[in-house]
Amino acid sequence: MSTTRNYVLAAYTILLGILALVGWLYIGHADDAPGAGVIGFISLLSSLVVGYRIARAKPQGR
């Protein structure tokens, strides 16, 4: 995989984490469930870690 593709995949993964955070925060606010916000933050943190690992991955030689 090329480095450009790695960066795009990393950005997409982080974007999905941000969208999951917004969704869980909305559910937590609408339903008075504080645990939903925590789930959102955990999903954001995990997407940041995975996005970082994707961006730092070295291209595979063929």
PDB file of N, CA and C in Angstrom:
ATOM      1  N   MET A   1       0.842  -1.181   0.000  1.00  0.00           N
ATOM      2  CA  MET A   1       0.000   0.000   0.000  1.00  0.00           C
ATOM      3  C   MET A   1       0.889   1.247   0.000  1.00  0.00           C
ATOM      4  N   SER A   2       0.469   2.250  -0.684  1.00  0.00           N
ATOM      5  CA  SER A   2       1.242   3.471  -0.742  1.00  0.00           C
ATOM      6  C   SER A   2       0.959   4.321   0.500  1.00  0.00           C
ATOM      7  N   THR A   3       1.840   5.263   0.739  1.00  0.00           N
ATOM      8  CA  THR A   3       1.668   6.107   1.921  1.00  0.00           C
ATOM      9  C   THR A   3       0.443   7.008   1.786  1.00  0.00           C
ATOM     10  N   THR A   4       0.128   7.431   0.582  1.00  0.00           N
ATOM     11  CA  THR A   4      -1.068   8.256   0.392  1.00  0.00           C
ATOM     12  C   THR A   4      -2.314   7.474   0.766  1.00  0.00           C
ATOM     13  N   ARG A   5      -2.356   6.220   0.355  1.00  0.00           N
ATOM     14  CA  ARG A   5      -3.505   5.388   0.689  1.00  0.00           C
ATOM     15  C   ARG A   5      -3.582   5.169   2.202  1.00  0.00           C
ATOM     16  N   ASN A   6      -2.441   5.009   2.846  1.00  0.00           N
ATOM     17  CA  ASN A   6      -2.431   4.851   4.299  1.00  0.00           C
ATOM     18  C   ASN A   6      -3.008   6.081   4.985  1.00  0.00           C
ATOM     19  N   TYR A   7      -2.616   7.261   4.514  1.00  0.00           N
ATOM     20  CA  TYR A   7      -3.119   8.492   5.129  1.00  0.00           C
ATOM     21  C   TYR A   7      -4.619   8.659   4.917  1.00  0.00           C
ATOM     22  N   VAL A   8      -5.092   8.291   3.734  1.00  0.00           N
ATOM     23  CA  VAL A   8      -6.534   8.394   3.457  1.00  0.00           C
ATOM     24  C   VAL A   8      -7.309   7.409   4.332  1.00  0.00           C
ATOM     25  N   LEU A   9      -6.817   6.190   4.460  1.00  0.00           N
ATOM     26  CA  LEU A   9      -7.482   5.205   5.315  1.00  0.00           C
ATOM     27  C   LEU A   9      -7.461   5.642   6.777  1.00  0.00           C
ATOM     28  N   ALA A  10      -6.354   6.222   7.213  1.00  0.00           N
ATOM     29  CA  ALA A  10      -6.260   6.702   8.590  1.00  0.00           C
ATOM     30  C   ALA A  10      -7.251   7.836   8.826  1.00  0.00           C
ATOM     31  N   ALA A  11      -7.343   8.776   7.895  1.00  0.00           N
ATOM     32  CA  ALA A  11      -8.284   9.881   8.035  1.00  0.00           C
ATOM     33  C   ALA A  11      -9.726   9.381   8.048  1.00  0.00           C
ATOM     34  N   TYR A  12     -10.023   8.413   7.211  1.00  0.00           N
ATOM     35  CA  TYR A  12     -11.372   7.843   7.154  1.00  0.00           C
ATOM     36  C   TYR A  12     -11.709   7.129   8.464  1.00  0.00           C
ATOM     37  N   THR A  13     -10.752   6.414   9.027  1.00  0.00           N
ATOM     38  CA  THR A  13     -10.972   5.716  10.288  1.00  0.00           C
ATOM     39  C   THR A  13     -11.232   6.703  11.413  1.00  0.00           C
ATOM     40  N   ILE A  14     -10.468   7.780  11.444  1.00  0.00           N
ATOM     41  CA  ILE A  14     -10.664   8.796  12.479  1.00  0.00           C
ATOM     42  C   ILE A  14     -12.007   9.499  12.290  1.00  0.00           C
ATOM     43  N   LEU A  15     -12.390   9.759  11.042  1.00  0.00           N
ATOM     44  CA  LEU A  15     -13.688  10.365  10.771  1.00  0.00           C
ATOM     45  C   LEU A  15     -14.828   9.478  11.270  1.00  0.00           C
ATOM     46  N   LEU A  16     -14.710   8.181  11.054  1.00  0.00           N
ATOM     47  CA  LEU A  16     -15.739   7.267  11.558  1.00  0.00           C
ATOM     48  C   LEU A  16     -15.800   7.297  13.081  1.00  0.00           C
ATOM     49  N   GLY A  17     -14.642   7.409  13.736  1.00  0.00           N
ATOM     50  CA  GLY A  17     -14.623   7.516  15.187  1.00  0.00           C
ATOM     51  C   GLY A  17     -15.294   8.788  15.675  1.00  0.00           C
ATOM     52  N   ILE A  18     -15.064   9.893  14.975  1.00  0.00           N
ATOM     53  CA  ILE A  18     -15.703  11.161  15.344  1.00  0.00           C
ATOM     54  C   ILE A  18     -17.213  11.067  15.163  1.00  0.00           C
ATOM     55  N   LEU A  19     -17.642  10.455  14.065  1.00  0.00           N
ATOM     56  CA  LEU A  19     -19.085  10.297  13.838  1.00  0.00           C
ATOM     57  C   LEU A  19     -19.718   9.385  14.877  1.00  0.00           C
ATOM     58  N   ALA A  20     -19.005   8.341  15.286  1.00  0.00           N
ATOM     59  CA  ALA A  20     -19.515   7.462  16.342  1.00  0.00           C
ATOM     60  C   ALA A  20     -19.623   8.230  17.651  1.00  0.00           C
ATOM     61  N   LEU A  21     -18.633   9.078  17.941  1.00  0.00           N
ATOM     62  CA  LEU A  21     -18.681   9.894  19.157  1.00  0.00           C
ATOM     63  C   LEU A  21     -19.899  10.808  19.155  1.00  0.00           C
ATOM     64  N   VAL A  22     -20.135  11.475  18.048  1.00  0.00           N
ATOM     65  CA  VAL A  22     -21.286  12.381  17.958  1.00  0.00           C
ATOM     66  C   VAL A  22     -22.584  11.611  18.135  1.00  0.00           C
ATOM     67  N   GLY A  23     -22.675  10.450  17.514  1.00  0.00           N
ATOM     68  CA  GLY A  23     -23.897   9.639  17.642  1.00  0.00           C
ATOM     69  C   GLY A  23     -24.130   9.181  19.069  1.00  0.00           C
ATOM     70  N   TRP A  24     -23.092   8.688  19.728  1.00  0.00           N
ATOM     71  CA  TRP A  24     -23.245   8.220  21.111  1.00  0.00           C
ATOM     72  C   TRP A  24     -23.533   9.380  22.060  1.00  0.00           C
ATOM     73  N   LEU A  25     -22.919  10.555  21.816  1.00  0.00           N
ATOM     74  CA  LEU A  25     -23.231  11.708  22.662  1.00  0.00           C
ATOM     75  C   LEU A  25     -24.687  12.138  22.494  1.00  0.00           C
ATOM     76  N   TYR A  26     -25.181  12.081  21.265  1.00  0.00           N
ATOM     77  CA  TYR A  26     -26.581  12.418  21.024  1.00  0.00           C
ATOM     78  C   TYR A  26     -27.506  11.436  21.740  1.00  0.00           C
ATOM     79  N   ILE A  27     -27.197  10.160  21.643  1.00  0.00           N
ATOM     80  CA  ILE A  27     -28.015   9.149  22.325  1.00  0.00           C
ATOM     81  C   ILE A  27     -27.956   9.358  23.833  1.00  0.00           C
ATOM     82  N   GLY A  28     -26.754   9.653  24.350  1.00  0.00           N
ATOM     83  CA  GLY A  28     -26.610   9.876  25.781  1.00  0.00           C
ATOM     84  C   GLY A  28     -27.374  11.093  26.258  1.00  0.00           C
ATOM     85  N   HIS A  29     -27.391  12.144  25.449  1.00  0.00           N
ATOM     86  CA  HIS A  29     -28.117  13.354  25.831  1.00  0.00           C
ATOM     87  C   HIS A  29     -29.630  13.153  25.728  1.00  0.00           C
ATOM     88  N   ALA A  30     -30.083  12.491  24.692  1.00  0.00           N
ATOM     89  CA  ALA A  30     -31.514  12.305  24.481  1.00  0.00           C
ATOM     90  C   ALA A  30     -32.116  11.307  25.467  1.00  0.00           C
ATOM     91  N   ASP A  31     -31.324  10.330  25.909  1.00  0.00           N
ATOM     92  CA  ASP A  31     -31.853   9.260  26.743  1.00  0.00           C
ATOM     93  C   ASP A  31     -31.391   9.354  28.198  1.00  0.00           C
ATOM     94  N   ASP A  32     -30.639  10.422  28.549  1.00  0.00           N
ATOM     95  CA  ASP A  32     -30.068  10.583  29.886  1.00  0.00           C
ATOM     96  C   ASP A  32     -29.255   9.364  30.294  1.00  0.00           C
ATOM     97  N   ALA A  33     -28.438   8.882  29.367  1.00  0.00           N
ATOM     98  CA  ALA A  33     -27.583   7.733  29.643  1.00  0.00           C
ATOM     99  C   ALA A  33     -26.122   8.198  29.602  1.00  0.00           C
ATOM    100  N   PRO A  34     -25.514   8.446  30.758  1.00  0.00           N
ATOM    101  CA  PRO A  34     -24.135   8.945  30.748  1.00  0.00           C
ATOM    102  C   PRO A  34     -23.133   7.920  30.215  1.00  0.00           C
ATOM    103  N   GLY A  35     -23.453   6.656  30.285  1.00  0.00           N
ATOM    104  CA  GLY A  35     -22.559   5.625  29.771  1.00  0.00           C
ATOM    105  C   GLY A  35     -22.420   5.680  28.263  1.00  0.00           C
ATOM    106  N   ALA A  36     -23.408   6.210  27.580  1.00  0.00           N
ATOM    107  CA  ALA A  36     -23.339   6.301  26.125  1.00  0.00           C
ATOM    108  C   ALA A  36     -22.239   7.273  25.700  1.00  0.00           C
ATOM    109  N   GLY A  37     -22.065   8.344  26.433  1.00  0.00           N
ATOM    110  CA  GLY A  37     -20.985   9.277  26.133  1.00  0.00           C
ATOM    111  C   GLY A  37     -19.626   8.637  26.320  1.00  0.00           C
ATOM    112  N   VAL A  38     -19.498   7.804  27.342  1.00  0.00           N
ATOM    113  CA  VAL A  38     -18.234   7.107  27.586  1.00  0.00           C
ATOM    114  C   VAL A  38     -17.932   6.146  26.439  1.00  0.00           C
ATOM    115  N   ILE A  39     -18.947   5.455  25.948  1.00  0.00           N
ATOM    116  CA  ILE A  39     -18.764   4.556  24.808  1.00  0.00           C
ATOM    117  C   ILE A  39     -18.295   5.350  23.593  1.00  0.00           C
ATOM    118  N   GLY A  40     -18.855   6.534  23.407  1.00  0.00           N
ATOM    119  CA  GLY A  40     -18.441   7.390  22.293  1.00  0.00           C
ATOM    120  C   GLY A  40     -16.986   7.800  22.392  1.00  0.00           C
ATOM    121  N   PHE A  41     -16.552   8.198  23.594  1.00  0.00           N
ATOM    122  CA  PHE A  41     -15.160   8.601  23.762  1.00  0.00           C
ATOM    123  C   PHE A  41     -14.205   7.424  23.593  1.00  0.00           C
ATOM    124  N   ILE A  42     -14.611   6.250  24.040  1.00  0.00           N
ATOM    125  CA  ILE A  42     -13.771   5.071  23.851  1.00  0.00           C
ATOM    126  C   ILE A  42     -13.655   4.736  22.367  1.00  0.00           C
ATOM    127  N   SER A  43     -14.747   4.873  21.623  1.00  0.00           N
ATOM    128  CA  SER A  43     -14.678   4.601  20.184  1.00  0.00           C
ATOM    129  C   SER A  43     -13.797   5.631  19.483  1.00  0.00           C
ATOM    130  N   LEU A  44     -13.837   6.887  19.933  1.00  0.00           N
ATOM    131  CA  LEU A  44     -12.965   7.898  19.347  1.00  0.00           C
ATOM    132  C   LEU A  44     -11.504   7.584  19.636  1.00  0.00           C
ATOM    133  N   LEU A  45     -11.187   7.246  20.864  1.00  0.00           N
ATOM    134  CA  LEU A  45      -9.809   6.926  21.215  1.00  0.00           C
ATOM    135  C   LEU A  45      -9.294   5.707  20.451  1.00  0.00           C
ATOM    136  N   SER A  46     -10.138   4.703  20.321  1.00  0.00           N
ATOM    137  CA  SER A  46      -9.707   3.511  19.585  1.00  0.00           C
ATOM    138  C   SER A  46      -9.507   3.823  18.105  1.00  0.00           C
ATOM    139  N   SER A  47     -10.343   4.685  17.537  1.00  0.00           N
ATOM    140  CA  SER A  47     -10.155   5.042  16.127  1.00  0.00           C
ATOM    141  C   SER A  47      -8.890   5.878  15.939  1.00  0.00           C
ATOM    142  N   LEU A  48      -8.541   6.701  16.935  1.00  0.00           N
ATOM    143  CA  LEU A  48      -7.291   7.452  16.849  1.00  0.00           C
ATOM    144  C   LEU A  48      -6.088   6.521  16.869  1.00  0.00           C
ATOM    145  N   VAL A  49      -6.127   5.509  17.725  1.00  0.00           N
ATOM    146  CA  VAL A  49      -5.020   4.549  17.803  1.00  0.00           C
ATOM    147  C   VAL A  49      -4.903   3.768  16.501  1.00  0.00           C
ATOM    148  N   VAL A  50      -6.025   3.275  15.995  1.00  0.00           N
ATOM    149  CA  VAL A  50      -5.993   2.495  14.746  1.00  0.00           C
ATOM    150  C   VAL A  50      -5.573   3.380  13.575  1.00  0.00           C
ATOM    151  N   GLY A  51      -6.067   4.613  13.537  1.00  0.00           N
ATOM    152  CA  GLY A  51      -5.672   5.534  12.471  1.00  0.00           C
ATOM    153  C   GLY A  51      -4.187   5.838  12.502  1.00  0.00           C
ATOM    154  N   TYR A  52      -3.629   6.001  13.685  1.00  0.00           N
ATOM    155  CA  TYR A  52      -2.195   6.243  13.818  1.00  0.00           C
ATOM    156  C   TYR A  52      -1.392   5.041  13.329  1.00  0.00           C
ATOM    157  N   ARG A  53      -1.845   3.855  13.695  1.00  0.00           N
ATOM    158  CA  ARG A  53      -1.127   2.647  13.277  1.00  0.00           C
ATOM    159  C   ARG A  53      -1.203   2.461  11.755  1.00  0.00           C
ATOM    160  N   ILE A  54      -2.351   2.810  11.172  1.00  0.00           N
ATOM    161  CA  ILE A  54      -2.476   2.705   9.708  1.00  0.00           C
ATOM    162  C   ILE A  54      -1.552   3.717   9.030  1.00  0.00           C
ATOM    163  N   ALA A  55      -1.526   4.946   9.556  1.00  0.00           N
ATOM    164  CA  ALA A  55      -0.711   5.988   8.929  1.00  0.00           C
ATOM    165  C   ALA A  55       0.780   5.671   9.040  1.00  0.00           C
ATOM    166  N   ARG A  56       1.188   5.028  10.118  1.00  0.00           N
ATOM    167  CA  ARG A  56       2.610   4.739  10.326  1.00  0.00           C
ATOM    168  C   ARG A  56       3.041   3.411   9.714  1.00  0.00           C
ATOM    169  N   ALA A  57       2.113   2.662   9.162  1.00  0.00           N
ATOM    170  CA  ALA A  57       2.453   1.359   8.566  1.00  0.00           C
ATOM    171  C   ALA A  57       3.362   1.562   7.360  1.00  0.00           C
ATOM    172  N   LYS A  58       4.349   0.712   7.266  1.00  0.00           N
ATOM    173  CA  LYS A  58       5.278   0.792   6.146  1.00  0.00           C
ATOM    174  C   LYS A  58       4.681   0.065   4.942  1.00  0.00           C
ATOM    175  N   PRO A  59       4.930   0.590   3.747  1.00  0.00           N
ATOM    176  CA  PRO A  59       4.424  -0.100   2.555  1.00  0.00           C
ATOM    177  C   PRO A  59       5.026  -1.491   2.429  1.00  0.00           C
ATOM    178  N   GLN A  60       4.216  -2.415   2.013  1.00  0.00           N
ATOM    179  CA  GLN A  60       4.676  -3.786   1.854  1.00  0.00           C
ATOM    180  C   GLN A  60       5.379  -3.943   0.524  1.00  0.00           C
ATOM    181  N   GLY A  61       6.535  -4.552   0.547  1.00  0.00           N
ATOM    182  CA  GLY A  61       7.267  -4.795  -0.695  1.00  0.00           C
ATOM    183  C   GLY A  61       6.744  -6.029  -1.398  1.00  0.00           C
ATOM    184  N   ARG A  62       6.824  -6.027  -2.709  1.00  0.00           N
ATOM    185  CA  ARG A  62       6.340  -7.178  -3.472  1.00  0.00           C
ATOM    186  C   ARG A  62       7.455  -7.833  -4.205  1.00  0.00           C
TER     187      ARG A  62
END
